[in-house]
Amino acid sequence: MSAYTGTFRDPGHHSHLAVWSGFTFPLLLSAVSLAAGVVLFLARDPVARAGAALHVVDSGQLYWSLIRRLDRFAIQLTGFIQRGSVPDYLMLTLLATVGVGLFSLVYGGEPHLDVPVVAWQRPEQPAIVVLLAAAAILALFSRAYVLLALVVGLTGYGTALLFLVHGSPTWR
């Protein structure tokens, strides 16, 4: 094994495998655990009676009661948040986006803007940005909720397309 570990830059500590390491504390703990298991097995009837006498709470009932309460809370919260109104959904999305941005500014510190700014890296990017801006402006002036949901979805797809064209950011 030392020939294999010697191929690494930092081989670490010396490894030693042995069939018998002698009487050690872990061996004593293993023997005590095995002896306790044998004793509990041989005295299983009195142990079972003691367990039945000490039984206070049914964990299954407790679990299902907790799950029912959590489900009831989830139904009430969903009913409170999702009213079926597209403007409310968009406002909630906007508030969540602003909240994440504020959280990152407050707890992340000042942003490091030492990246060189260029207009675009590929010729497809300006065309995608123009289409994204047009979709955003159309979202501002649309009155039909179906059209609004469709246009907002298009801005999401446009953002994903812009990311696909640009590639993932590389942190150096």
Protein backbone atom coordinates (compact mmCIF):
# COMPACT_ATOMS: atom_id res chain seq x y z
CA MET A 1 0.00 0.00 0.00
CA SER A 2 2.89 2.39 0.65
CA ALA A 3 3.93 2.09 -2.99
CA TYR A 4 0.48 3.34 -4.03
CA THR A 5 0.29 6.16 -1.47
CA GLY A 6 3.78 7.26 -2.44
CA THR A 7 2.44 8.32 -5.85
CA PHE A 8 0.54 11.24 -4.26
CA ARG A 9 2.16 14.62 -3.62
CA ASP A 10 1.34 14.42 0.11
CA PRO A 11 1.05 10.75 1.04
CA GLY A 12 -0.30 11.60 4.49
CA HIS A 13 0.36 9.51 7.52
CA HIS A 14 1.81 6.04 7.36
CA SER A 15 -0.87 3.39 6.85
CA HIS A 16 -0.63 0.10 8.69
CA LEU A 17 -2.99 -2.84 8.30
CA ALA A 18 -2.90 -5.67 10.79
CA VAL A 19 -5.00 -8.76 11.43
CA TRP A 20 -4.65 -8.38 15.21
CA SER A 21 -3.92 -5.08 16.93
CA GLY A 22 -4.03 -6.43 20.49
CA PHE A 23 -6.40 -5.67 23.36
CA THR A 24 -7.53 -2.11 22.76
CA PHE A 25 -10.35 0.09 24.03
CA PRO A 26 -12.45 -0.28 20.84
CA LEU A 27 -12.19 -4.07 21.20
CA LEU A 28 -13.43 -3.78 24.80
CA LEU A 29 -16.39 -1.64 23.71
CA SER A 30 -17.27 -4.18 20.99
CA ALA A 31 -17.16 -7.04 23.53
CA VAL A 32 -19.36 -5.12 25.99
CA SER A 33 -21.89 -4.37 23.20
CA LEU A 34 -22.02 -8.02 22.15
CA ALA A 35 -22.41 -9.21 25.77
CA ALA A 36 -25.22 -6.68 26.39
CA GLY A 37 -27.00 -7.86 23.24
CA VAL A 38 -26.78 -11.51 24.33
CA VAL A 39 -28.09 -10.65 27.83
CA LEU A 40 -31.00 -8.64 26.39
CA PHE A 41 -31.84 -11.48 24.01
CA LEU A 42 -31.83 -14.09 26.78
CA ALA A 43 -34.02 -11.86 28.98
CA ARG A 44 -36.32 -10.78 26.16
CA ASP A 45 -39.62 -11.60 27.93
CA PRO A 46 -38.98 -9.43 31.03
CA VAL A 47 -37.50 -6.70 28.82
CA ALA A 48 -40.62 -6.76 26.60
CA ARG A 49 -42.91 -6.51 29.68
CA ALA A 50 -40.86 -3.59 31.03
CA GLY A 51 -41.04 -1.85 27.66
CA ALA A 52 -44.82 -2.30 27.51
CA ALA A 53 -45.17 -0.93 31.06
CA LEU A 54 -43.03 2.10 30.29
CA HIS A 55 -44.82 2.83 26.99
CA VAL A 56 -46.16 6.38 27.32
CA VAL A 57 -46.42 7.90 23.83
CA ASP A 58 -47.19 6.16 20.57
CA SER A 59 -44.64 7.56 18.16
CA GLY A 60 -46.76 6.66 15.12
CA GLN A 61 -49.72 8.67 16.40
CA LEU A 62 -47.43 11.55 17.27
CA TYR A 63 -45.87 11.49 13.79
CA TRP A 64 -49.21 11.41 11.95
CA SER A 65 -50.62 14.16 14.18
CA LEU A 66 -47.63 16.34 13.32
CA ILE A 67 -48.02 15.56 9.60
CA ARG A 68 -51.75 16.43 9.70
CA ARG A 69 -51.01 19.78 11.38
CA LEU A 70 -48.24 20.52 8.88
CA ASP A 71 -50.57 19.66 5.99
CA ARG A 72 -53.32 21.91 7.41
CA PHE A 73 -50.80 24.76 7.79
CA ALA A 74 -49.56 24.25 4.21
CA ILE A 75 -53.13 24.39 2.88
CA GLN A 76 -53.85 27.62 4.78
CA LEU A 77 -50.56 29.22 3.71
CA THR A 78 -51.14 28.23 0.07
CA GLY A 79 -54.64 29.70 0.21
CA PHE A 80 -53.27 32.92 1.67
CA ILE A 81 -50.42 33.31 -0.85
CA GLN A 82 -52.03 31.98 -4.03
CA ARG A 83 -55.22 33.92 -4.57
CA GLY A 84 -55.43 33.20 -8.29
CA SER A 85 -54.42 36.67 -9.40
CA VAL A 86 -51.60 37.08 -11.91
CA PRO A 87 -50.69 40.60 -10.68
CA ASP A 88 -50.41 39.22 -7.15
CA TYR A 89 -48.15 36.40 -8.38
CA LEU A 90 -45.95 38.85 -10.26
CA MET A 91 -45.78 41.17 -7.24
CA LEU A 92 -44.79 38.22 -5.03
CA THR A 93 -42.11 37.23 -7.54
CA LEU A 94 -40.81 40.79 -7.66
CA LEU A 95 -40.74 41.05 -3.86
CA ALA A 96 -38.88 37.74 -3.59
CA THR A 97 -36.33 38.88 -6.16
CA VAL A 98 -35.81 42.21 -4.41
CA GLY A 99 -35.60 40.42 -1.06
CA VAL A 100 -32.87 38.08 -2.29
CA GLY A 101 -30.95 41.04 -3.71
CA LEU A 102 -31.24 43.02 -0.49
CA PHE A 103 -30.22 40.00 1.56
CA SER A 104 -27.11 39.50 -0.54
CA LEU A 105 -26.22 43.20 -0.26
CA VAL A 106 -26.72 43.30 3.51
CA TYR A 107 -24.98 40.03 4.37
CA GLY A 108 -22.65 39.64 1.40
CA GLY A 109 -20.93 42.96 1.72
CA GLU A 110 -20.04 45.39 -0.97
CA PRO A 111 -20.05 43.87 -4.47
CA HIS A 112 -16.70 43.52 -6.20
CA LEU A 113 -17.07 45.13 -9.61
CA ASP A 114 -13.54 44.78 -10.90
CA VAL A 115 -14.70 42.89 -13.98
CA PRO A 116 -14.10 44.68 -17.29
CA VAL A 117 -17.39 45.78 -18.84
CA VAL A 118 -17.85 45.09 -22.54
CA ALA A 119 -20.92 45.65 -24.68
CA TRP A 120 -21.16 42.02 -25.83
CA GLN A 121 -18.98 39.01 -26.48
CA ARG A 122 -21.01 37.43 -29.27
CA PRO A 123 -23.11 38.96 -32.07
CA GLU A 124 -26.28 37.13 -30.92
CA GLN A 125 -26.38 38.90 -27.56
CA PRO A 126 -27.62 42.34 -28.70
CA ALA A 127 -30.48 40.77 -30.66
CA ILE A 128 -31.55 38.72 -27.65
CA VAL A 129 -31.36 41.80 -25.40
CA VAL A 130 -33.55 43.80 -27.80
CA LEU A 131 -36.14 41.00 -27.82
CA LEU A 132 -35.98 40.80 -24.01
CA ALA A 133 -36.54 44.54 -23.68
CA ALA A 134 -39.47 44.37 -26.11
CA ALA A 135 -41.02 41.53 -24.11
CA ALA A 136 -40.57 43.47 -20.86
CA ILE A 137 -42.21 46.57 -22.34
CA LEU A 138 -45.05 44.44 -23.70
CA ALA A 139 -45.51 42.98 -20.21
CA LEU A 140 -45.92 46.49 -18.80
CA PHE A 141 -48.72 47.39 -21.18
CA SER A 142 -50.59 44.10 -21.56
CA ARG A 143 -54.07 43.94 -20.06
CA ALA A 144 -54.89 40.30 -20.73
CA TYR A 145 -53.55 38.03 -17.99
CA VAL A 146 -52.84 35.16 -20.35
CA LEU A 147 -50.73 37.41 -22.54
CA LEU A 148 -48.98 38.80 -19.45
CA ALA A 149 -48.11 35.31 -18.20
CA LEU A 150 -46.87 34.35 -21.66
CA VAL A 151 -44.70 37.46 -22.02
CA VAL A 152 -43.21 37.08 -18.55
CA GLY A 153 -42.42 33.46 -19.44
CA LEU A 154 -40.75 34.67 -22.62
CA THR A 155 -38.52 37.00 -20.62
CA GLY A 156 -37.45 34.01 -18.54
CA TYR A 157 -36.66 31.99 -21.65
CA GLY A 158 -34.82 34.98 -23.12
CA THR A 159 -32.69 35.26 -19.99
CA ALA A 160 -31.89 31.55 -20.19
CA LEU A 161 -31.00 31.96 -23.87
CA LEU A 162 -28.73 34.89 -23.03
CA PHE A 163 -27.00 32.75 -20.42
CA LEU A 164 -26.67 29.93 -22.95
CA VAL A 165 -25.10 32.22 -25.54
CA HIS A 166 -22.76 33.89 -23.05
CA GLY A 167 -21.75 30.74 -21.21
CA SER A 168 -21.37 30.30 -17.51
CA PRO A 169 -19.46 32.90 -15.54
CA THR A 170 -15.93 31.95 -14.67
CA TRP A 171 -14.58 33.05 -11.32
CA ARG A 172 -10.86 33.51 -11.20
